Protein backbone atom coordinates (compact mmCIF):
# COMPACT_ATOMS: atom_id res chain seq x y z
CA MET A 1 29.92 -11.20 -6.15
CA GLY A 2 27.71 -9.75 -9.07
CA ALA A 3 24.18 -7.76 -7.93
CA GLU A 4 21.45 -10.74 -6.73
CA LYS A 5 18.38 -10.28 -9.23
CA ILE A 6 15.19 -10.78 -7.42
CA LEU A 7 11.98 -11.95 -8.74
CA ASN A 8 9.52 -9.77 -10.91
CA SER A 9 7.25 -11.26 -8.18
CA THR A 10 8.81 -10.35 -5.18
CA TYR A 11 9.69 -6.87 -7.09
CA ASN A 12 6.24 -6.58 -7.96
CA ILE A 13 5.03 -6.70 -4.29
CA LEU A 14 7.70 -4.19 -3.25
CA VAL A 15 6.82 -1.79 -5.46
CA ALA A 16 3.02 -2.68 -4.76
CA LEU A 17 4.16 -2.25 -1.42
CA GLY A 18 5.90 1.39 -1.50
CA THR A 19 2.84 2.49 -3.40
CA GLU A 20 0.10 1.43 -0.70
CA ALA A 21 1.85 3.02 1.74
CA ASN A 22 2.78 6.08 0.11
CA PHE A 23 -0.84 7.33 -0.40
CA LEU A 24 -1.81 5.76 3.09
CA HIS A 25 0.85 8.06 4.86
CA SER A 26 1.50 10.88 2.43
CA THR A 27 -1.81 11.38 0.46
CA VAL A 28 -4.90 9.88 1.75
CA GLU A 29 -5.59 12.07 5.15
CA THR A 30 -4.82 15.33 3.01
CA TYR A 31 -7.53 14.50 0.52
CA ILE A 32 -10.03 13.44 3.61
CA ASN A 33 -9.29 16.85 5.63
CA ASP A 34 -9.53 18.65 1.93
CA ALA A 35 -13.26 17.07 1.82
CA LYS A 36 -13.60 17.78 5.31
CA ASN A 37 -13.06 21.61 5.24
CA GLU A 38 -15.13 21.36 2.37
CA ASN A 39 -18.37 20.03 4.50
CA ASN A 40 -18.73 17.49 1.69
CA SER A 41 -19.50 14.26 3.89
CA LYS A 42 -20.03 12.16 1.13
CA LEU A 43 -16.47 12.38 0.42
CA VAL A 44 -15.35 12.16 3.60
CA GLU A 45 -17.08 9.43 3.38
CA VAL A 46 -15.55 7.89 0.12
CA TRP A 47 -12.08 8.49 1.49
CA ASN A 48 -12.71 6.64 4.25
CA THR A 49 -13.55 3.28 2.57
CA ILE A 50 -10.40 3.73 -0.06
CA LYS A 51 -8.61 4.52 2.91
CA GLN A 52 -9.59 0.91 4.33
CA ASP A 53 -9.75 -0.84 1.30
CA LYS A 54 -5.55 0.37 0.61
CA GLU A 55 -5.20 -0.78 4.76
CA LYS A 56 -6.29 -3.98 3.29
CA HIS A 57 -4.38 -4.22 0.43
CA LEU A 58 -1.26 -3.17 2.53
CA GLN A 59 -1.45 -6.35 4.47
CA MET A 60 -2.08 -8.57 1.97
CA LEU A 61 0.89 -7.65 0.16
CA LYS A 62 3.06 -7.61 3.40
CA GLU A 63 1.72 -11.46 4.03
CA CYS A 64 2.94 -12.35 0.50
CA LEU A 65 6.28 -10.85 1.09
CA GLU A 66 6.53 -13.03 4.53
CA THR A 67 6.03 -15.97 2.59
CA GLU A 68 8.42 -15.09 -0.19
CA VAL A 69 10.96 -14.76 2.59
CA LYS A 70 10.21 -17.37 4.91
CA GLU A 71 9.77 -19.65 1.49
CA GLY A 72 13.47 -18.58 0.40
CA GLU A 73 11.96 -16.80 -2.76
CA LEU A 74 13.38 -13.09 -1.90
CA ARG A 75 16.71 -13.02 -3.69
């Protein structure tokens, strides 16, 4: 049996999930801590806002992927 192809839109969701998750779990805390260490409260606020937005994006993407799975679009 040959390799199964996935839809472009499904692939895009998976890539975006990985990108958002990587930023949330590996990068943003470093940025927040750097700003804290430099006593830059405005930048801490900015990074925390971006973090919250990314968390919302991640949730939206997860919901889209769940829908694709339920509807049989994940191939």
